[in-house]
Amino acid sequence: MRRATVTETKNQLSALLDRVRHGETILIVDRGRPVARLESVLAAPADDPEGRLARLERRGLLRRATAAPPVALISGRLPRARRRARVVEALLEERRQGR
């Protein structure tokens, strides 16, 4: 939670409101003592997964898929580990094959 003094709040209200729109909560303090809290009235409860996804998308932390994943990607055969193969070697082999 970000803290802002009363003076900062008066001088930077538009910037603070923009931060609140993006899901941040601002605690306003007067001489070091909390007096108010700025939080979005549009914020949904924490148990709302769709609202959480929308907030993450607005922040640029998430991009929703526009189409279903290709079936070949899901049903493709997994690479088989050779006898005594190491994880790093398997990863490098996958990168060489372009998977």
PDB file of N, CA and C in Angstrom:
ATOM      1  N   MET A   1       0.853  -1.172   0.000  1.00  0.00           N
ATOM      2  CA  MET A   1       0.000   0.000   0.000  1.00  0.00           C
ATOM      3  C   MET A   1       0.901   1.238   0.000  1.00  0.00           C
ATOM      4  N   ARG A   2       0.609   2.160  -0.902  1.00  0.00           N
ATOM      5  CA  ARG A   2       1.393   3.376  -1.003  1.00  0.00           C
ATOM      6  C   ARG A   2       0.876   4.390   0.014  1.00  0.00           C
ATOM      7  N   ARG A   3       1.792   5.165   0.562  1.00  0.00           N
ATOM      8  CA  ARG A   3       1.429   6.221   1.510  1.00  0.00           C
ATOM      9  C   ARG A   3       1.630   7.568   0.838  1.00  0.00           C
ATOM     10  N   ALA A   4       0.748   8.509   1.131  1.00  0.00           N
ATOM     11  CA  ALA A   4       0.865   9.869   0.601  1.00  0.00           C
ATOM     12  C   ALA A   4       0.429  10.838   1.692  1.00  0.00           C
ATOM     13  N   THR A   5       1.156  11.946   1.794  1.00  0.00           N
ATOM     14  CA  THR A   5       0.768  12.973   2.758  1.00  0.00           C
ATOM     15  C   THR A   5      -0.400  13.772   2.186  1.00  0.00           C
ATOM     16  N   VAL A   6      -1.020  14.578   3.032  1.00  0.00           N
ATOM     17  CA  VAL A   6      -2.126  15.409   2.586  1.00  0.00           C
ATOM     18  C   VAL A   6      -1.650  16.365   1.490  1.00  0.00           C
ATOM     19  N   THR A   7      -0.463  16.946   1.661  1.00  0.00           N
ATOM     20  CA  THR A   7       0.081  17.872   0.663  1.00  0.00           C
ATOM     21  C   THR A   7       0.314  17.157  -0.666  1.00  0.00           C
ATOM     22  N   GLU A   8       0.924  15.975  -0.607  1.00  0.00           N
ATOM     23  CA  GLU A   8       1.138  15.206  -1.842  1.00  0.00           C
ATOM     24  C   GLU A   8      -0.188  14.870  -2.512  1.00  0.00           C
ATOM     25  N   THR A   9      -1.176  14.541  -1.716  1.00  0.00           N
ATOM     26  CA  THR A   9      -2.488  14.202  -2.257  1.00  0.00           C
ATOM     27  C   THR A   9      -3.105  15.394  -2.972  1.00  0.00           C
ATOM     28  N   LYS A  10      -3.012  16.580  -2.376  1.00  0.00           N
ATOM     29  CA  LYS A  10      -3.557  17.783  -3.022  1.00  0.00           C
ATOM     30  C   LYS A  10      -2.821  18.078  -4.327  1.00  0.00           C
ATOM     31  N   ASN A  11      -1.500  17.933  -4.318  1.00  0.00           N
ATOM     32  CA  ASN A  11      -0.706  18.294  -5.491  1.00  0.00           C
ATOM     33  C   ASN A  11      -0.735  17.239  -6.596  1.00  0.00           C
ATOM     34  N   GLN A  12      -0.970  15.992  -6.247  1.00  0.00           N
ATOM     35  CA  GLN A  12      -0.884  14.914  -7.229  1.00  0.00           C
ATOM     36  C   GLN A  12      -2.152  14.062  -7.262  1.00  0.00           C
ATOM     37  N   LEU A  13      -3.289  14.681  -7.055  1.00  0.00           N
ATOM     38  CA  LEU A  13      -4.531  13.917  -6.965  1.00  0.00           C
ATOM     39  C   LEU A  13      -4.813  13.115  -8.236  1.00  0.00           C
ATOM     40  N   SER A  14      -4.618  13.711  -9.402  1.00  0.00           N
ATOM     41  CA  SER A  14      -4.897  12.992 -10.653  1.00  0.00           C
ATOM     42  C   SER A  14      -4.021  11.751 -10.789  1.00  0.00           C
ATOM     43  N   ALA A  15      -2.743  11.863 -10.475  1.00  0.00           N
ATOM     44  CA  ALA A  15      -1.836  10.721 -10.571  1.00  0.00           C
ATOM     45  C   ALA A  15      -2.226   9.638  -9.563  1.00  0.00           C
ATOM     46  N   LEU A  16      -2.607  10.040  -8.365  1.00  0.00           N
ATOM     47  CA  LEU A  16      -3.019   9.065  -7.357  1.00  0.00           C
ATOM     48  C   LEU A  16      -4.309   8.359  -7.764  1.00  0.00           C
ATOM     49  N   LEU A  17      -5.243   9.106  -8.331  1.00  0.00           N
ATOM     50  CA  LEU A  17      -6.490   8.488  -8.789  1.00  0.00           C
ATOM     51  C   LEU A  17      -6.225   7.501  -9.918  1.00  0.00           C
ATOM     52  N   ASP A  18      -5.269   7.801 -10.772  1.00  0.00           N
ATOM     53  CA  ASP A  18      -4.904   6.873 -11.844  1.00  0.00           C
ATOM     54  C   ASP A  18      -4.358   5.572 -11.265  1.00  0.00           C
ATOM     55  N   ARG A  19      -3.548   5.678 -10.224  1.00  0.00           N
ATOM     56  CA  ARG A  19      -3.015   4.477  -9.569  1.00  0.00           C
ATOM     57  C   ARG A  19      -4.136   3.670  -8.935  1.00  0.00           C
ATOM     58  N   VAL A  20      -5.103   4.353  -8.340  1.00  0.00           N
ATOM     59  CA  VAL A  20      -6.240   3.673  -7.719  1.00  0.00           C
ATOM     60  C   VAL A  20      -7.063   2.958  -8.782  1.00  0.00           C
ATOM     61  N   ARG A  21      -7.225   3.579  -9.952  1.00  0.00           N
ATOM     62  CA  ARG A  21      -7.962   2.935 -11.045  1.00  0.00           C
ATOM     63  C   ARG A  21      -7.312   1.620 -11.460  1.00  0.00           C
ATOM     64  N   HIS A  22      -6.010   1.533 -11.293  1.00  0.00           N
ATOM     65  CA  HIS A  22      -5.287   0.332 -11.681  1.00  0.00           C
ATOM     66  C   HIS A  22      -5.149  -0.656 -10.520  1.00  0.00           C
ATOM     67  N   GLY A  23      -5.942  -0.478  -9.489  1.00  0.00           N
ATOM     68  CA  GLY A  23      -6.012  -1.465  -8.421  1.00  0.00           C
ATOM     69  C   GLY A  23      -5.188  -1.185  -7.177  1.00  0.00           C
ATOM     70  N   GLU A  24      -4.458  -0.086  -7.154  1.00  0.00           N
ATOM     71  CA  GLU A  24      -3.625   0.208  -5.986  1.00  0.00           C
ATOM     72  C   GLU A  24      -4.456   0.923  -4.916  1.00  0.00           C
ATOM     73  N   THR A  25      -4.082   0.746  -3.665  1.00  0.00           N
ATOM     74  CA  THR A  25      -4.724   1.445  -2.551  1.00  0.00           C
ATOM     75  C   THR A  25      -3.736   2.460  -1.997  1.00  0.00           C
ATOM     76  N   ILE A  26      -4.208   3.668  -1.723  1.00  0.00           N
ATOM     77  CA  ILE A  26      -3.358   4.747  -1.225  1.00  0.00           C
ATOM     78  C   ILE A  26      -3.798   5.096   0.189  1.00  0.00           C
ATOM     79  N   LEU A  27      -2.858   5.107   1.116  1.00  0.00           N
ATOM     80  CA  LEU A  27      -3.121   5.515   2.490  1.00  0.00           C
ATOM     81  C   LEU A  27      -2.694   6.969   2.635  1.00  0.00           C
ATOM     82  N   ILE A  28      -3.610   7.830   3.036  1.00  0.00           N
ATOM     83  CA  ILE A  28      -3.312   9.250   3.195  1.00  0.00           C
ATOM     84  C   ILE A  28      -3.009   9.515   4.667  1.00  0.00           C
ATOM     85  N   VAL A  29      -1.865  10.140   4.901  1.00  0.00           N
ATOM     86  CA  VAL A  29      -1.430  10.409   6.271  1.00  0.00           C
ATOM     87  C   VAL A  29      -1.295  11.913   6.485  1.00  0.00           C
ATOM     88  N   ASP A  30      -1.596  12.339   7.704  1.00  0.00           N
ATOM     89  CA  ASP A  30      -1.434  13.738   8.109  1.00  0.00           C
ATOM     90  C   ASP A  30      -0.494  13.742   9.304  1.00  0.00           C
ATOM     91  N   ARG A  31       0.703  14.285   9.093  1.00  0.00           N
ATOM     92  CA  ARG A  31       1.748  14.307  10.118  1.00  0.00           C
ATOM     93  C   ARG A  31       2.066  12.906  10.635  1.00  0.00           C
ATOM     94  N   GLY A  32       2.112  11.953   9.695  1.00  0.00           N
ATOM     95  CA  GLY A  32       2.474  10.586  10.042  1.00  0.00           C
ATOM     96  C   GLY A  32       1.333   9.713  10.542  1.00  0.00           C
ATOM     97  N   ARG A  33       0.143  10.290  10.717  1.00  0.00           N
ATOM     98  CA  ARG A  33      -0.998   9.506  11.215  1.00  0.00           C
ATOM     99  C   ARG A  33      -1.990   9.253  10.076  1.00  0.00           C
ATOM    100  N   PRO A  34      -2.395   8.012   9.892  1.00  0.00           N
ATOM    101  CA  PRO A  34      -3.358   7.707   8.826  1.00  0.00           C
ATOM    102  C   PRO A  34      -4.688   8.407   9.071  1.00  0.00           C
ATOM    103  N   VAL A  35      -5.207   9.047   8.015  1.00  0.00           N
ATOM    104  CA  VAL A  35      -6.500   9.733   8.133  1.00  0.00           C
ATOM    105  C   VAL A  35      -7.514   9.245   7.103  1.00  0.00           C
ATOM    106  N   ALA A  36      -7.037   8.679   5.998  1.00  0.00           N
ATOM    107  CA  ALA A  36      -7.969   8.225   4.961  1.00  0.00           C
ATOM    108  C   ALA A  36      -7.293   7.171   4.090  1.00  0.00           C
ATOM    109  N   ARG A  37      -8.128   6.459   3.346  1.00  0.00           N
ATOM    110  CA  ARG A  37      -7.616   5.459   2.415  1.00  0.00           C
ATOM    111  C   ARG A  37      -8.356   5.630   1.092  1.00  0.00           C
ATOM    112  N   LEU A  38      -7.598   5.751   0.008  1.00  0.00           N
ATOM    113  CA  LEU A  38      -8.182   5.828  -1.333  1.00  0.00           C
ATOM    114  C   LEU A  38      -8.151   4.427  -1.930  1.00  0.00           C
ATOM    115  N   GLU A  39      -9.323   3.901  -2.280  1.00  0.00           N
ATOM    116  CA  GLU A  39      -9.385   2.614  -2.954  1.00  0.00           C
ATOM    117  C   GLU A  39     -10.525   2.642  -3.946  1.00  0.00           C
ATOM    118  N   SER A  40     -10.407   1.853  -4.959  1.00  0.00           N
ATOM    119  CA  SER A  40     -11.383   1.859  -6.034  1.00  0.00           C
ATOM    120  C   SER A  40     -12.725   1.306  -5.567  1.00  0.00           C
ATOM    121  N   VAL A  41     -13.786   1.974  -5.966  1.00  0.00           N
ATOM    122  CA  VAL A  41     -15.119   1.446  -5.676  1.00  0.00           C
ATOM    123  C   VAL A  41     -15.475   0.363  -6.680  1.00  0.00           C
ATOM    124  N   LEU A  42     -14.719   0.269  -7.757  1.00  0.00           N
ATOM    125  CA  LEU A  42     -14.961  -0.745  -8.771  1.00  0.00           C
ATOM    126  C   LEU A  42     -14.285  -2.066  -8.450  1.00  0.00           C
ATOM    127  N   ALA A  43     -13.408  -2.057  -7.451  1.00  0.00           N
ATOM    128  CA  ALA A  43     -12.668  -3.279  -7.102  1.00  0.00           C
ATOM    129  C   ALA A  43     -13.641  -4.335  -6.603  1.00  0.00           C
ATOM    130  N   ALA A  44     -13.496  -5.522  -7.152  1.00  0.00           N
ATOM    131  CA  ALA A  44     -14.368  -6.639  -6.783  1.00  0.00           C
ATOM    132  C   ALA A  44     -13.765  -7.376  -5.588  1.00  0.00           C
ATOM    133  N   PRO A  45     -14.546  -8.167  -4.916  1.00  0.00           N
ATOM    134  CA  PRO A  45     -14.005  -8.960  -3.819  1.00  0.00           C
ATOM    135  C   PRO A  45     -12.901  -9.897  -4.305  1.00  0.00           C
ATOM    136  N   ALA A  46     -12.051 -10.341  -3.388  1.00  0.00           N
ATOM    137  CA  ALA A  46     -10.905 -11.177  -3.742  1.00  0.00           C
ATOM    138  C   ALA A  46     -11.312 -12.537  -4.301  1.00  0.00           C
ATOM    139  N   ASP A  47     -12.532 -13.002  -4.005  1.00  0.00           N
ATOM    140  CA  ASP A  47     -12.948 -14.315  -4.487  1.00  0.00           C
ATOM    141  C   ASP A  47     -13.574 -14.267  -5.875  1.00  0.00           C
ATOM    142  N   ASP A  48     -13.427 -13.158  -6.599  1.00  0.00           N
ATOM    143  CA  ASP A  48     -13.968 -13.004  -7.935  1.00  0.00           C
ATOM    144  C   ASP A  48     -12.858 -13.230  -8.960  1.00  0.00           C
ATOM    145  N   PRO A  49     -12.698 -14.457  -9.492  1.00  0.00           N
ATOM    146  CA  PRO A  49     -11.589 -14.723 -10.402  1.00  0.00           C
ATOM    147  C   PRO A  49     -11.663 -13.914 -11.691  1.00  0.00           C
ATOM    148  N   GLU A  50     -12.857 -13.667 -12.227  1.00  0.00           N
ATOM    149  CA  GLU A  50     -12.971 -12.885 -13.453  1.00  0.00           C
ATOM    150  C   GLU A  50     -12.518 -11.445 -13.223  1.00  0.00           C
ATOM    151  N   GLY A  51     -12.878 -10.892 -12.071  1.00  0.00           N
ATOM    152  CA  GLY A  51     -12.447  -9.533 -11.746  1.00  0.00           C
ATOM    153  C   GLY A  51     -10.942  -9.455 -11.567  1.00  0.00           C
ATOM    154  N   ARG A  52     -10.376 -10.485 -10.964  1.00  0.00           N
ATOM    155  CA  ARG A  52      -8.927 -10.515 -10.770  1.00  0.00           C
ATOM    156  C   ARG A  52      -8.213 -10.609 -12.109  1.00  0.00           C
ATOM    157  N   LEU A  53      -8.730 -11.438 -13.006  1.00  0.00           N
ATOM    158  CA  LEU A  53      -8.131 -11.541 -14.331  1.00  0.00           C
ATOM    159  C   LEU A  53      -8.222 -10.212 -15.073  1.00  0.00           C
ATOM    160  N   ALA A  54      -9.349  -9.528 -14.944  1.00  0.00           N
ATOM    161  CA  ALA A  54      -9.509  -8.241 -15.606  1.00  0.00           C
ATOM    162  C   ALA A  54      -8.521  -7.214 -15.054  1.00  0.00           C
ATOM    163  N   ARG A  55      -8.313  -7.216 -13.735  1.00  0.00           N
ATOM    164  CA  ARG A  55      -7.348  -6.277 -13.144  1.00  0.00           C
ATOM    165  C   ARG A  55      -5.927  -6.578 -13.615  1.00  0.00           C
ATOM    166  N   LEU A  56      -5.564  -7.850 -13.668  1.00  0.00           N
ATOM    167  CA  LEU A  56      -4.231  -8.222 -14.149  1.00  0.00           C
ATOM    168  C   LEU A  56      -4.052  -7.851 -15.614  1.00  0.00           C
ATOM    169  N   GLU A  57      -5.116  -7.988 -16.383  1.00  0.00           N
ATOM    170  CA  GLU A  57      -5.057  -7.625 -17.799  1.00  0.00           C
ATOM    171  C   GLU A  57      -4.887  -6.109 -17.966  1.00  0.00           C
ATOM    172  N   ARG A  58      -5.605  -5.331 -17.172  1.00  0.00           N
ATOM    173  CA  ARG A  58      -5.466  -3.864 -17.247  1.00  0.00           C
ATOM    174  C   ARG A  58      -4.072  -3.409 -16.865  1.00  0.00           C
ATOM    175  N   ARG A  59      -3.447  -4.111 -15.918  1.00  0.00           N
ATOM    176  CA  ARG A  59      -2.089  -3.752 -15.496  1.00  0.00           C
ATOM    177  C   ARG A  59      -1.031  -4.185 -16.498  1.00  0.00           C
ATOM    178  N   GLY A  60      -1.430  -4.976 -17.471  1.00  0.00           N
ATOM    179  CA  GLY A  60      -0.476  -5.460 -18.457  1.00  0.00           C
ATOM    180  C   GLY A  60       0.307  -6.673 -17.993  1.00  0.00           C
ATOM    181  N   LEU A  61      -0.141  -7.325 -16.934  1.00  0.00           N
ATOM    182  CA  LEU A  61       0.551  -8.491 -16.403  1.00  0.00           C
ATOM    183  C   LEU A  61       0.020  -9.791 -16.990  1.00  0.00           C
ATOM    184  N   LEU A  62      -1.085  -9.707 -17.727  1.00  0.00           N
ATOM    185  CA  LEU A  62      -1.726 -10.896 -18.251  1.00  0.00           C
ATOM    186  C   LEU A  62      -2.303 -10.572 -19.614  1.00  0.00           C
ATOM    187  N   ARG A  63      -2.234 -11.517 -20.528  1.00  0.00           N
ATOM    188  CA  ARG A  63      -2.892 -11.362 -21.816  1.00  0.00           C
ATOM    189  C   ARG A  63      -3.722 -12.605 -22.053  1.00  0.00           C
ATOM    190  N   ARG A  64      -5.022 -12.430 -22.186  1.00  0.00           N
ATOM    191  CA  ARG A  64      -5.915 -13.568 -22.373  1.00  0.00           C
ATOM    192  C   ARG A  64      -5.788 -14.109 -23.790  1.00  0.00           C
ATOM    193  N   ALA A  65      -6.006 -15.397 -23.921  1.00  0.00           N
ATOM    194  CA  ALA A  65      -5.946 -16.040 -25.227  1.00  0.00           C
ATOM    195  C   ALA A  65      -7.127 -15.593 -26.078  1.00  0.00           C
ATOM    196  N   THR A  66      -6.903 -15.463 -27.367  1.00  0.00           N
ATOM    197  CA  THR A  66      -7.981 -15.091 -28.282  1.00  0.00           C
ATOM    198  C   THR A  66      -8.585 -16.305 -28.957  1.00  0.00           C
ATOM    199  N   ALA A  67      -7.898 -17.447 -28.888  1.00  0.00           N
ATOM    200  CA  ALA A  67      -8.388 -18.682 -29.492  1.00  0.00           C
ATOM    201  C   ALA A  67      -7.960 -19.862 -28.618  1.00  0.00           C
ATOM    202  N   ALA A  68      -8.611 -20.981 -28.845  1.00  0.00           N
ATOM    203  CA  ALA A  68      -8.251 -22.196 -28.110  1.00  0.00           C
ATOM    204  C   ALA A  68      -6.877 -22.674 -28.572  1.00  0.00           C
ATOM    205  N   PRO A  69      -6.134 -23.350 -27.698  1.00  0.00           N
ATOM    206  CA  PRO A  69      -4.819 -23.852 -28.112  1.00  0.00           C
ATOM    207  C   PRO A  69      -4.970 -24.941 -29.177  1.00  0.00           C
ATOM    208  N   PRO A  70      -4.004 -25.058 -30.074  1.00  0.00           N
ATOM    209  CA  PRO A  70      -4.091 -26.096 -31.107  1.00  0.00           C
ATOM    210  C   PRO A  70      -4.121 -27.491 -30.483  1.00  0.00           C
ATOM    211  N   VAL A  71      -4.951 -28.351 -31.021  1.00  0.00           N
ATOM    212  CA  VAL A  71      -5.102 -29.710 -30.492  1.00  0.00           C
ATOM    213  C   VAL A  71      -3.775 -30.457 -30.581  1.00  0.00           C
ATOM    214  N   ALA A  72      -3.006 -30.216 -31.645  1.00  0.00           N
ATOM    215  CA  ALA A  72      -1.721 -30.907 -31.815  1.00  0.00           C
ATOM    216  C   ALA A  72      -0.767 -30.574 -30.672  1.00  0.00           C
ATOM    217  N   LEU A  73      -0.863 -29.371 -30.159  1.00  0.00           N
ATOM    218  CA  LEU A  73       0.004 -28.968 -29.052  1.00  0.00           C
ATOM    219  C   LEU A  73      -0.334 -29.747 -27.788  1.00  0.00           C
ATOM    220  N   ILE A  74      -1.607 -29.958 -27.557  1.00  0.00           N
ATOM    221  CA  ILE A  74      -2.050 -30.639 -26.349  1.00  0.00           C
ATOM    222  C   ILE A  74      -1.859 -32.155 -26.457  1.00  0.00           C
ATOM    223  N   SER A  75      -2.176 -32.731 -27.621  1.00  0.00           N
ATOM    224  CA  SER A  75      -2.144 -34.182 -27.756  1.00  0.00           C
ATOM    225  C   SER A  75      -0.819 -34.704 -28.310  1.00  0.00           C
ATOM    226  N   GLY A  76       0.134 -33.848 -28.531  1.00  0.00           N
ATOM    227  CA  GLY A  76       1.428 -34.278 -29.068  1.00  0.00           C
ATOM    228  C   GLY A  76       2.137 -35.228 -28.123  1.00  0.00           C
ATOM    229  N   ARG A  77       2.972 -36.051 -28.680  1.00  0.00           N
ATOM    230  CA  ARG A  77       3.710 -37.023 -27.875  1.00  0.00           C
ATOM    231  C   ARG A  77       4.821 -36.308 -27.115  1.00  0.00           C
ATOM    232  N   LEU A  78       4.989 -36.689 -25.897  1.00  0.00           N
ATOM    233  CA  LEU A  78       6.048 -36.111 -25.080  1.00  0.00           C
ATOM    234  C   LEU A  78       7.367 -36.788 -25.412  1.00  0.00           C
ATOM    235  N   PRO A  79       8.453 -36.048 -25.324  1.00  0.00           N
ATOM    236  CA  PRO A  79       9.743 -36.669 -25.615  1.00  0.00           C
ATOM    237  C   PRO A  79      10.074 -37.730 -24.569  1.00  0.00           C
ATOM    238  N   ARG A  80      10.643 -38.816 -25.027  1.00  0.00           N
ATOM    239  CA  ARG A  80      11.018 -39.893 -24.118  1.00  0.00           C
ATOM    240  C   ARG A  80      12.458 -39.681 -23.677  1.00  0.00           C
ATOM    241  N   ALA A  81      12.695 -39.868 -22.411  1.00  0.00           N
ATOM    242  CA  ALA A  81      14.043 -39.729 -21.876  1.00  0.00           C
ATOM    243  C   ALA A  81      14.852 -40.971 -22.223  1.00  0.00           C
ATOM    244  N   ARG A  82      16.038 -40.727 -22.704  1.00  0.00           N
ATOM    245  CA  ARG A  82      16.915 -41.856 -22.981  1.00  0.00           C
ATOM    246  C   ARG A  82      17.434 -42.415 -21.664  1.00  0.00           C
ATOM    247  N   ARG A  83      17.969 -43.560 -21.749  1.00  0.00           N
ATOM    248  CA  ARG A  83      18.519 -44.177 -20.556  1.00  0.00           C
ATOM    249  C   ARG A  83      19.665 -43.318 -20.037  1.00  0.00           C
ATOM    250  N   ARG A  84      19.621 -43.014 -18.755  1.00  0.00           N
ATOM    251  CA  ARG A  84      20.625 -42.198 -18.074  1.00  0.00           C
ATOM    252  C   ARG A  84      20.689 -40.772 -18.630  1.00  0.00           C
ATOM    253  N   ALA A  85      19.602 -40.298 -19.190  1.00  0.00           N
ATOM    254  CA  ALA A  85      19.578 -38.935 -19.725  1.00  0.00           C
ATOM    255  C   ALA A  85      19.470 -37.943 -18.575  1.00  0.00           C
ATOM    256  N   ARG A  86      20.015 -36.776 -18.783  1.00  0.00           N
ATOM    257  CA  ARG A  86      19.934 -35.719 -17.782  1.00  0.00           C
ATOM    258  C   ARG A  86      18.919 -34.685 -18.241  1.00  0.00           C
ATOM    259  N   VAL A  87      18.365 -33.980 -17.297  1.00  0.00           N
ATOM    260  CA  VAL A  87      17.329 -33.001 -17.593  1.00  0.00           C
ATOM    261  C   VAL A  87      17.861 -31.897 -18.503  1.00  0.00           C
ATOM    262  N   VAL A  88      19.043 -31.408 -18.224  1.00  0.00           N
ATOM    263  CA  VAL A  88      19.620 -30.329 -19.035  1.00  0.00           C
ATOM    264  C   VAL A  88      19.839 -30.807 -20.463  1.00  0.00           C
ATOM    265  N   GLU A  89      20.316 -32.022 -20.634  1.00  0.00           N
ATOM    266  CA  GLU A  89      20.526 -32.555 -21.977  1.00  0.00           C
ATOM    267  C   GLU A  89      19.200 -32.667 -22.725  1.00  0.00           C
ATOM    268  N   ALA A  90      18.149 -33.115 -22.044  1.00  0.00           N
ATOM    269  CA  ALA A  90      16.830 -33.224 -22.670  1.00  0.00           C
ATOM    270  C   ALA A  90      16.311 -31.853 -23.071  1.00  0.00           C
ATOM    271  N   LEU A  91      16.500 -30.853 -22.232  1.00  0.00           N
ATOM    272  CA  LEU A  91      16.061 -29.501 -22.540  1.00  0.00           C
ATOM    273  C   LEU A  91      16.806 -28.950 -23.752  1.00  0.00           C
ATOM    274  N   LEU A  92      18.104 -29.145 -23.797  1.00  0.00           N
ATOM    275  CA  LEU A  92      18.888 -28.683 -24.940  1.00  0.00           C
ATOM    276  C   LEU A  92      18.482 -29.391 -26.223  1.00  0.00           C
ATOM    277  N   GLU A  93      18.185 -30.665 -26.139  1.00  0.00           N
ATOM    278  CA  GLU A  93      17.708 -31.415 -27.316  1.00  0.00           C
ATOM    279  C   GLU A  93      16.372 -30.867 -27.809  1.00  0.00           C
ATOM    280  N   GLU A  94      15.466 -30.561 -26.899  1.00  0.00           N
ATOM    281  CA  GLU A  94      14.187 -29.965 -27.287  1.00  0.00           C
ATOM    282  C   GLU A  94      14.405 -28.635 -27.984  1.00  0.00           C
ATOM    283  N   ARG A  95      15.291 -27.823 -27.493  1.00  0.00           N
ATOM    284  CA  ARG A  95      15.559 -26.527 -28.124  1.00  0.00           C
ATOM    285  C   ARG A  95      16.150 -26.712 -29.513  1.00  0.00           C
ATOM    286  N   ARG A  96      17.016 -27.692 -29.675  1.00  0.00           N
ATOM    287  CA  ARG A  96      17.593 -27.944 -30.995  1.00  0.00           C
ATOM    288  C   ARG A  96      16.522 -28.376 -31.979  1.00  0.00           C
ATOM    289  N   GLN A  97      15.534 -29.136 -31.497  1.00  0.00           N
ATOM    290  CA  GLN A  97      14.467 -29.631 -32.384  1.00  0.00           C
ATOM    291  C   GLN A  97      13.392 -28.572 -32.607  1.00  0.00           C
ATOM    292  N   GLY A  98      13.449 -27.456 -31.877  1.00  0.00           N
ATOM    293  CA  GLY A  98      12.495 -26.363 -32.073  1.00  0.00           C
ATOM    294  C   GLY A  98      11.142 -26.601 -31.444  1.00  0.00           C
ATOM    295  N   ARG A  99      11.073 -27.381 -30.390  1.00  0.00           N
ATOM    296  CA  ARG A  99       9.796 -27.627 -29.716  1.00  0.00           C
ATOM    297  C   ARG A  99       9.463 -26.530 -28.753  1.00  0.00           C
TER     298      ARG A  99
END
